């Protein structure tokens, strides 16, 4: 998992998660839902991540835990990247 990937994840979160906090100040394991991300915003985040990383999240990954933190998103992206390789 690269630093560039985490930077892009944070950009997507800044643009789509509608969080009332500075995304850049969050720890990678911070719970985005506890910080105010709604389920509607998480769908927007998912769609933006798909566009940004040119991937598609399979149905089994469409769960809260995947989009709960920067770490969760990065793990899911790593898994999808390794499947594609």
PDB file of N, CA and C in Angstrom:
ATOM      1  N   UNK A   1       0.856  -1.169   0.000  1.00  0.00           N
ATOM      2  CA  UNK A   1       0.000   0.000   0.000  1.00  0.00           C
ATOM      3  C   UNK A   1       0.900   1.229   0.000  1.00  0.00           C
ATOM      4  N   UNK A   2       0.671   2.079  -0.929  1.00  0.00           N
ATOM      5  CA  UNK A   2       1.573   3.215  -1.106  1.00  0.00           C
ATOM      6  C   UNK A   2       1.042   4.465  -0.421  1.00  0.00           C
ATOM      7  N   UNK A   3       1.959   5.376  -0.160  1.00  0.00           N
ATOM      8  CA  UNK A   3       1.560   6.667   0.381  1.00  0.00           C
ATOM      9  C   UNK A   3       0.680   7.414  -0.590  1.00  0.00           C
ATOM     10  N   UNK A   4       0.948   7.236  -1.892  1.00  0.00           N
ATOM     11  CA  UNK A   4       0.137   7.903  -2.918  1.00  0.00           C
ATOM     12  C   UNK A   4      -1.311   7.418  -2.855  1.00  0.00           C
ATOM     13  N   UNK A   5      -1.498   6.123  -2.564  1.00  0.00           N
ATOM     14  CA  UNK A   5      -2.845   5.583  -2.453  1.00  0.00           C
ATOM     15  C   UNK A   5      -3.584   6.248  -1.290  1.00  0.00           C
ATOM     16  N   UNK A   6      -2.918   6.370  -0.163  1.00  0.00           N
ATOM     17  CA  UNK A   6      -3.557   6.989   1.006  1.00  0.00           C
ATOM     18  C   UNK A   6      -3.860   8.468   0.758  1.00  0.00           C
ATOM     19  N   UNK A   7      -2.987   9.149   0.043  1.00  0.00           N
ATOM     20  CA  UNK A   7      -3.240  10.552  -0.306  1.00  0.00           C
ATOM     21  C   UNK A   7      -4.493  10.652  -1.168  1.00  0.00           C
ATOM     22  N   UNK A   8      -4.614   9.756  -2.137  1.00  0.00           N
ATOM     23  CA  UNK A   8      -5.793   9.776  -3.010  1.00  0.00           C
ATOM     24  C   UNK A   8      -7.054   9.402  -2.233  1.00  0.00           C
ATOM     25  N   UNK A   9      -6.971   8.444  -1.328  1.00  0.00           N
ATOM     26  CA  UNK A   9      -8.127   8.097  -0.493  1.00  0.00           C
ATOM     27  C   UNK A   9      -8.573   9.324   0.298  1.00  0.00           C
ATOM     28  N   UNK A  10      -7.633  10.030   0.885  1.00  0.00           N
ATOM     29  CA  UNK A  10      -7.983  11.228   1.662  1.00  0.00           C
ATOM     30  C   UNK A  10      -8.582  12.316   0.771  1.00  0.00           C
ATOM     31  N   UNK A  11      -8.101  12.444  -0.458  1.00  0.00           N
ATOM     32  CA  UNK A  11      -8.686  13.431  -1.381  1.00  0.00           C
ATOM     33  C   UNK A  11     -10.141  13.078  -1.652  1.00  0.00           C
ATOM     34  N   UNK A  12     -10.401  11.802  -1.913  1.00  0.00           N
ATOM     35  CA  UNK A  12     -11.777  11.356  -2.156  1.00  0.00           C
ATOM     36  C   UNK A  12     -12.638  11.633  -0.923  1.00  0.00           C
ATOM     37  N   UNK A  13     -12.119  11.328   0.250  1.00  0.00           N
ATOM     38  CA  UNK A  13     -12.880  11.585   1.480  1.00  0.00           C
ATOM     39  C   UNK A  13     -13.160  13.074   1.656  1.00  0.00           C
ATOM     40  N   UNK A  14     -12.154  13.919   1.400  1.00  0.00           N
ATOM     41  CA  UNK A  14     -12.357  15.374   1.496  1.00  0.00           C
ATOM     42  C   UNK A  14     -13.479  15.824   0.576  1.00  0.00           C
ATOM     43  N   UNK A  15     -13.503  15.278  -0.631  1.00  0.00           N
ATOM     44  CA  UNK A  15     -14.454  15.721  -1.648  1.00  0.00           C
ATOM     45  C   UNK A  15     -15.849  15.108  -1.502  1.00  0.00           C
ATOM     46  N   UNK A  16     -15.950  13.926  -0.870  1.00  0.00           N
ATOM     47  CA  UNK A  16     -17.224  13.202  -0.926  1.00  0.00           C
ATOM     48  C   UNK A  16     -17.797  12.720   0.408  1.00  0.00           C
ATOM     49  N   UNK A  17     -16.997  12.676   1.470  1.00  0.00           N
ATOM     50  CA  UNK A  17     -17.482  12.100   2.731  1.00  0.00           C
ATOM     51  C   UNK A  17     -18.320  13.069   3.562  1.00  0.00           C
ATOM     52  N   UNK A  18     -18.234  14.356   3.253  1.00  0.00           N
ATOM     53  CA  UNK A  18     -18.992  15.382   3.987  1.00  0.00           C
ATOM     54  C   UNK A  18     -18.718  15.338   5.483  1.00  0.00           C
ATOM     55  N   UNK A  19     -17.462  15.184   5.833  1.00  0.00           N
ATOM     56  CA  UNK A  19     -17.081  15.132   7.243  1.00  0.00           C
ATOM     57  C   UNK A  19     -16.901  16.544   7.800  1.00  0.00           C
ATOM     58  N   UNK A  20     -17.321  16.755   9.043  1.00  0.00           N
ATOM     59  CA  UNK A  20     -17.178  18.085   9.657  1.00  0.00           C
ATOM     60  C   UNK A  20     -15.799  18.305  10.282  1.00  0.00           C
ATOM     61  N   UNK A  21     -14.837  17.457   9.931  1.00  0.00           N
ATOM     62  CA  UNK A  21     -13.479  17.570  10.455  1.00  0.00           C
ATOM     63  C   UNK A  21     -12.495  17.590   9.292  1.00  0.00           C
ATOM     64  N   UNK A  22     -11.280  18.028   9.585  1.00  0.00           N
ATOM     65  CA  UNK A  22     -10.216  18.046   8.573  1.00  0.00           C
ATOM     66  C   UNK A  22      -9.738  16.620   8.332  1.00  0.00           C
ATOM     67  N   UNK A  23      -9.982  16.116   7.141  1.00  0.00           N
ATOM     68  CA  UNK A  23      -9.627  14.738   6.797  1.00  0.00           C
ATOM     69  C   UNK A  23      -8.129  14.504   6.962  1.00  0.00           C
ATOM     70  N   UNK A  24      -7.322  15.490   6.660  1.00  0.00           N
ATOM     71  CA  UNK A  24      -5.871  15.321   6.743  1.00  0.00           C
ATOM     72  C   UNK A  24      -5.373  15.186   8.174  1.00  0.00           C
ATOM     73  N   UNK A  25      -6.187  15.578   9.147  1.00  0.00           N
ATOM     74  CA  UNK A  25      -5.764  15.480  10.551  1.00  0.00           C
ATOM     75  C   UNK A  25      -6.169  14.146  11.186  1.00  0.00           C
ATOM     76  N   UNK A  26      -6.912  13.327  10.474  1.00  0.00           N
ATOM     77  CA  UNK A  26      -7.415  12.068  11.025  1.00  0.00           C
ATOM     78  C   UNK A  26      -6.346  10.975  10.999  1.00  0.00           C
ATOM     79  N   UNK A  27      -6.399  10.129  12.009  1.00  0.00           N
ATOM     80  CA  UNK A  27      -5.561   8.930  11.990  1.00  0.00           C
ATOM     81  C   UNK A  27      -6.123   7.976  10.945  1.00  0.00           C
ATOM     82  N   UNK A  28      -5.284   7.096  10.420  1.00  0.00           N
ATOM     83  CA  UNK A  28      -5.733   6.157   9.395  1.00  0.00           C
ATOM     84  C   UNK A  28      -6.784   5.177   9.907  1.00  0.00           C
ATOM     85  N   UNK A  29      -6.826   4.954  11.223  1.00  0.00           N
ATOM     86  CA  UNK A  29      -7.808   4.022  11.780  1.00  0.00           C
ATOM     87  C   UNK A  29      -9.037   4.721  12.372  1.00  0.00           C
ATOM     88  N   UNK A  30      -9.150   6.030  12.186  1.00  0.00           N
ATOM     89  CA  UNK A  30     -10.301   6.774  12.714  1.00  0.00           C
ATOM     90  C   UNK A  30     -11.594   6.285  12.054  1.00  0.00           C
ATOM     91  N   UNK A  31     -12.636   6.107  12.865  1.00  0.00           N
ATOM     92  CA  UNK A  31     -13.935   5.634  12.372  1.00  0.00           C
ATOM     93  C   UNK A  31     -14.669   6.792  11.697  1.00  0.00           C
ATOM     94  N   UNK A  32     -14.775   6.730  10.388  1.00  0.00           N
ATOM     95  CA  UNK A  32     -15.377   7.811   9.606  1.00  0.00           C
ATOM     96  C   UNK A  32     -16.863   7.964   9.904  1.00  0.00           C
ATOM     97  N   UNK A  33     -17.534   6.866  10.222  1.00  0.00           N
ATOM     98  CA  UNK A  33     -18.960   6.940  10.542  1.00  0.00           C
ATOM     99  C   UNK A  33     -19.172   7.629  11.886  1.00  0.00           C
ATOM    100  N   UNK A  34     -18.332   7.342  12.870  1.00  0.00           N
ATOM    101  CA  UNK A  34     -18.433   8.018  14.161  1.00  0.00           C
ATOM    102  C   UNK A  34     -18.136   9.506  14.024  1.00  0.00           C
ATOM    103  N   UNK A  35     -17.333   9.852  13.035  1.00  0.00           N
ATOM    104  CA  UNK A  35     -16.991  11.257  12.815  1.00  0.00           C
ATOM    105  C   UNK A  35     -18.049  12.003  12.009  1.00  0.00           C
ATOM    106  N   UNK A  36     -19.082  11.299  11.539  1.00  0.00           N
ATOM    107  CA  UNK A  36     -20.180  11.984  10.879  1.00  0.00           C
ATOM    108  C   UNK A  36     -20.479  11.584   9.449  1.00  0.00           C
ATOM    109  N   UNK A  37     -19.744  10.635   8.876  1.00  0.00           N
ATOM    110  CA  UNK A  37     -20.051  10.218   7.511  1.00  0.00           C
ATOM    111  C   UNK A  37     -21.359   9.418   7.518  1.00  0.00           C
ATOM    112  N   UNK A  38     -22.265   9.786   6.652  1.00  0.00           N
ATOM    113  CA  UNK A  38     -23.551   9.090   6.553  1.00  0.00           C
ATOM    114  C   UNK A  38     -23.442   7.935   5.565  1.00  0.00           C
ATOM    115  N   UNK A  39     -24.442   7.067   5.585  1.00  0.00           N
ATOM    116  CA  UNK A  39     -24.446   5.966   4.619  1.00  0.00           C
ATOM    117  C   UNK A  39     -24.551   6.504   3.198  1.00  0.00           C
ATOM    118  N   UNK A  40     -25.293   7.581   3.009  1.00  0.00           N
ATOM    119  CA  UNK A  40     -25.397   8.202   1.683  1.00  0.00           C
ATOM    120  C   UNK A  40     -24.036   8.713   1.219  1.00  0.00           C
ATOM    121  N   UNK A  41     -23.328   9.374   2.114  1.00  0.00           N
ATOM    122  CA  UNK A  41     -21.994   9.878   1.761  1.00  0.00           C
ATOM    123  C   UNK A  41     -21.041   8.723   1.475  1.00  0.00           C
ATOM    124  N   UNK A  42     -21.197   7.605   2.187  1.00  0.00           N
ATOM    125  CA  UNK A  42     -20.303   6.465   1.949  1.00  0.00           C
ATOM    126  C   UNK A  42     -20.504   5.892   0.547  1.00  0.00           C
ATOM    127  N   UNK A  43     -21.721   5.949   0.036  1.00  0.00           N
ATOM    128  CA  UNK A  43     -21.967   5.512  -1.344  1.00  0.00           C
ATOM    129  C   UNK A  43     -21.239   6.446  -2.311  1.00  0.00           C
ATOM    130  N   UNK A  44     -21.299   7.739  -2.048  1.00  0.00           N
ATOM    131  CA  UNK A  44     -20.577   8.701  -2.893  1.00  0.00           C
ATOM    132  C   UNK A  44     -19.072   8.461  -2.825  1.00  0.00           C
ATOM    133  N   UNK A  45     -18.562   8.142  -1.642  1.00  0.00           N
ATOM    134  CA  UNK A  45     -17.144   7.826  -1.478  1.00  0.00           C
ATOM    135  C   UNK A  45     -16.792   6.591  -2.300  1.00  0.00           C
ATOM    136  N   UNK A  46     -17.629   5.553  -2.195  1.00  0.00           N
ATOM    137  CA  UNK A  46     -17.374   4.319  -2.936  1.00  0.00           C
ATOM    138  C   UNK A  46     -17.305   4.590  -4.447  1.00  0.00           C
ATOM    139  N   UNK A  47     -18.264   5.334  -4.961  1.00  0.00           N
ATOM    140  CA  UNK A  47     -18.290   5.630  -6.398  1.00  0.00           C
ATOM    141  C   UNK A  47     -17.069   6.458  -6.812  1.00  0.00           C
ATOM    142  N   UNK A  48     -16.682   7.402  -5.980  1.00  0.00           N
ATOM    143  CA  UNK A  48     -15.506   8.228  -6.287  1.00  0.00           C
ATOM    144  C   UNK A  48     -14.225   7.394  -6.234  1.00  0.00           C
ATOM    145  N   UNK A  49     -14.150   6.456  -5.284  1.00  0.00           N
ATOM    146  CA  UNK A  49     -12.988   5.565  -5.218  1.00  0.00           C
ATOM    147  C   UNK A  49     -12.912   4.689  -6.461  1.00  0.00           C
ATOM    148  N   UNK A  50     -14.055   4.188  -6.913  1.00  0.00           N
ATOM    149  CA  UNK A  50     -14.070   3.375  -8.131  1.00  0.00           C
ATOM    150  C   UNK A  50     -13.539   4.168  -9.315  1.00  0.00           C
ATOM    151  N   UNK A  51     -13.948   5.418  -9.421  1.00  0.00           N
ATOM    152  CA  UNK A  51     -13.451   6.271 -10.509  1.00  0.00           C
ATOM    153  C   UNK A  51     -11.960   6.566 -10.348  1.00  0.00           C
ATOM    154  N   UNK A  52     -11.553   6.918  -9.147  1.00  0.00           N
ATOM    155  CA  UNK A  52     -10.169   7.328  -8.904  1.00  0.00           C
ATOM    156  C   UNK A  52      -9.184   6.190  -9.123  1.00  0.00           C
ATOM    157  N   UNK A  53      -9.581   4.961  -8.760  1.00  0.00           N
ATOM    158  CA  UNK A  53      -8.664   3.830  -8.839  1.00  0.00           C
ATOM    159  C   UNK A  53      -8.997   2.870  -9.982  1.00  0.00           C
ATOM    160  N   UNK A  54     -10.001   3.222 -10.779  1.00  0.00           N
ATOM    161  CA  UNK A  54     -10.409   2.412 -11.925  1.00  0.00           C
ATOM    162  C   UNK A  54     -10.655   0.959 -11.503  1.00  0.00           C
ATOM    163  N   UNK A  55     -11.479   0.816 -10.473  1.00  0.00           N
ATOM    164  CA  UNK A  55     -11.828  -0.509  -9.948  1.00  0.00           C
ATOM    165  C   UNK A  55     -13.341  -0.553  -9.754  1.00  0.00           C
ATOM    166  N   UNK A  56     -13.838  -1.732  -9.417  1.00  0.00           N
ATOM    167  CA  UNK A  56     -15.241  -1.881  -9.026  1.00  0.00           C
ATOM    168  C   UNK A  56     -15.276  -2.739  -7.774  1.00  0.00           C
ATOM    169  N   UNK A  57     -15.937  -2.230  -6.748  1.00  0.00           N
ATOM    170  CA  UNK A  57     -16.073  -2.997  -5.516  1.00  0.00           C
ATOM    171  C   UNK A  57     -17.089  -4.108  -5.738  1.00  0.00           C
ATOM    172  N   UNK A  58     -16.701  -5.363  -5.502  1.00  0.00           N
ATOM    173  CA  UNK A  58     -17.658  -6.467  -5.634  1.00  0.00           C
ATOM    174  C   UNK A  58     -18.673  -6.418  -4.489  1.00  0.00           C
ATOM    175  N   UNK A  59     -19.816  -7.069  -4.698  1.00  0.00           N
ATOM    176  CA  UNK A  59     -20.898  -7.038  -3.720  1.00  0.00           C
ATOM    177  C   UNK A  59     -20.442  -7.421  -2.319  1.00  0.00           C
ATOM    178  N   UNK A  60     -19.557  -8.419  -2.198  1.00  0.00           N
ATOM    179  CA  UNK A  60     -19.141  -8.868  -0.867  1.00  0.00           C
ATOM    180  C   UNK A  60     -18.325  -7.812  -0.119  1.00  0.00           C
ATOM    181  N   UNK A  61     -17.848  -6.786  -0.816  1.00  0.00           N
ATOM    182  CA  UNK A  61     -17.104  -5.706  -0.157  1.00  0.00           C
ATOM    183  C   UNK A  61     -17.991  -4.512   0.190  1.00  0.00           C
ATOM    184  N   UNK A  62     -19.238  -4.568  -0.181  1.00  0.00           N
ATOM    185  CA  UNK A  62     -20.130  -3.436   0.074  1.00  0.00           C
ATOM    186  C   UNK A  62     -20.698  -3.531   1.481  1.00  0.00           C
ATOM    187  N   UNK A  63     -19.815  -3.283   2.440  1.00  0.00           N
ATOM    188  CA  UNK A  63     -20.215  -3.312   3.842  1.00  0.00           C
ATOM    189  C   UNK A  63     -19.514  -2.192   4.590  1.00  0.00           C
ATOM    190  N   UNK A  64     -20.101  -1.833   5.688  1.00  0.00           N
ATOM    191  CA  UNK A  64     -19.635  -0.693   6.475  1.00  0.00           C
ATOM    192  C   UNK A  64     -18.151  -0.794   6.822  1.00  0.00           C
ATOM    193  N   UNK A  65     -17.689  -1.973   7.208  1.00  0.00           N
ATOM    194  CA  UNK A  65     -16.301  -2.117   7.670  1.00  0.00           C
ATOM    195  C   UNK A  65     -15.277  -1.738   6.607  1.00  0.00           C
ATOM    196  N   UNK A  66     -15.611  -1.922   5.342  1.00  0.00           N
ATOM    197  CA  UNK A  66     -14.684  -1.584   4.253  1.00  0.00           C
ATOM    198  C   UNK A  66     -14.467  -0.073   4.180  1.00  0.00           C
ATOM    199  N   UNK A  67     -15.517   0.700   4.425  1.00  0.00           N
ATOM    200  CA  UNK A  67     -15.462   2.153   4.250  1.00  0.00           C
ATOM    201  C   UNK A  67     -15.385   2.905   5.575  1.00  0.00           C
ATOM    202  N   UNK A  68     -15.084   2.183   6.641  1.00  0.00           N
ATOM    203  CA  UNK A  68     -15.096   2.741   7.990  1.00  0.00           C
ATOM    204  C   UNK A  68     -13.888   3.626   8.293  1.00  0.00           C
ATOM    205  N   UNK A  69     -12.773   3.385   7.598  1.00  0.00           N
ATOM    206  CA  UNK A  69     -11.548   4.133   7.889  1.00  0.00           C
ATOM    207  C   UNK A  69     -10.655   4.161   6.646  1.00  0.00           C
ATOM    208  N   UNK A  70      -9.658   5.008   6.699  1.00  0.00           N
ATOM    209  CA  UNK A  70      -8.658   5.036   5.626  1.00  0.00           C
ATOM    210  C   UNK A  70      -7.990   3.668   5.542  1.00  0.00           C
ATOM    211  N   UNK A  71      -7.684   3.072   6.696  1.00  0.00           N
ATOM    212  CA  UNK A  71      -7.077   1.735   6.710  1.00  0.00           C
ATOM    213  C   UNK A  71      -7.972   0.701   6.027  1.00  0.00           C
ATOM    214  N   UNK A  72      -9.257   0.715   6.339  1.00  0.00           N
ATOM    215  CA  UNK A  72     -10.190  -0.242   5.747  1.00  0.00           C
ATOM    216  C   UNK A  72     -10.278  -0.098   4.240  1.00  0.00           C
ATOM    217  N   UNK A  73     -10.341   1.140   3.792  1.00  0.00           N
ATOM    218  CA  UNK A  73     -10.406   1.403   2.350  1.00  0.00           C
ATOM    219  C   UNK A  73      -9.109   0.940   1.681  1.00  0.00           C
ATOM    220  N   UNK A  74      -7.971   1.262   2.285  1.00  0.00           N
ATOM    221  CA  UNK A  74      -6.669   0.880   1.704  1.00  0.00           C
ATOM    222  C   UNK A  74      -6.540  -0.641   1.627  1.00  0.00           C
ATOM    223  N   UNK A  75      -6.981  -1.350   2.667  1.00  0.00           N
ATOM    224  CA  UNK A  75      -6.929  -2.826   2.637  1.00  0.00           C
ATOM    225  C   UNK A  75      -7.782  -3.365   1.493  1.00  0.00           C
ATOM    226  N   UNK A  76      -8.975  -2.820   1.318  1.00  0.00           N
ATOM    227  CA  UNK A  76      -9.862  -3.275   0.245  1.00  0.00           C
ATOM    228  C   UNK A  76      -9.239  -3.002  -1.120  1.00  0.00           C
ATOM    229  N   UNK A  77      -8.650  -1.825  -1.291  1.00  0.00           N
ATOM    230  CA  UNK A  77      -8.010  -1.492  -2.563  1.00  0.00           C
ATOM    231  C   UNK A  77      -6.817  -2.402  -2.828  1.00  0.00           C
ATOM    232  N   UNK A  78      -6.040  -2.691  -1.789  1.00  0.00           N
ATOM    233  CA  UNK A  78      -4.914  -3.627  -1.943  1.00  0.00           C
ATOM    234  C   UNK A  78      -5.415  -4.994  -2.381  1.00  0.00           C
ATOM    235  N   UNK A  79      -6.488  -5.458  -1.758  1.00  0.00           N
ATOM    236  CA  UNK A  79      -7.042  -6.769  -2.109  1.00  0.00           C
ATOM    237  C   UNK A  79      -7.516  -6.798  -3.560  1.00  0.00           C
ATOM    238  N   UNK A  80      -8.199  -5.734  -3.983  1.00  0.00           N
ATOM    239  CA  UNK A  80      -8.680  -5.678  -5.369  1.00  0.00           C
ATOM    240  C   UNK A  80      -7.512  -5.603  -6.347  1.00  0.00           C
ATOM    241  N   UNK A  81      -6.476  -4.879  -5.969  1.00  0.00           N
ATOM    242  CA  UNK A  81      -5.291  -4.764  -6.822  1.00  0.00           C
ATOM    243  C   UNK A  81      -4.594  -6.115  -6.962  1.00  0.00           C
ATOM    244  N   UNK A  82      -4.506  -6.862  -5.880  1.00  0.00           N
ATOM    245  CA  UNK A  82      -3.838  -8.165  -5.933  1.00  0.00           C
ATOM    246  C   UNK A  82      -4.664  -9.184  -6.730  1.00  0.00           C
ATOM    247  N   UNK A  83      -5.992  -9.060  -6.697  1.00  0.00           N
ATOM    248  CA  UNK A  83      -6.846  -9.949  -7.506  1.00  0.00           C
ATOM    249  C   UNK A  83      -6.659  -9.685  -8.991  1.00  0.00           C
ATOM    250  N   UNK A  84      -6.445  -8.400  -9.331  1.00  0.00           N
ATOM    251  CA  UNK A  84      -6.317  -8.013 -10.737  1.00  0.00           C
ATOM    252  C   UNK A  84      -4.954  -8.394 -11.321  1.00  0.00           C
ATOM    253  N   UNK A  85      -3.978  -8.580 -10.458  1.00  0.00           N
ATOM    254  CA  UNK A  85      -2.605  -8.854 -10.933  1.00  0.00           C
ATOM    255  C   UNK A  85      -2.451 -10.299 -11.394  1.00  0.00           C
TER     256      UNK A  85
END
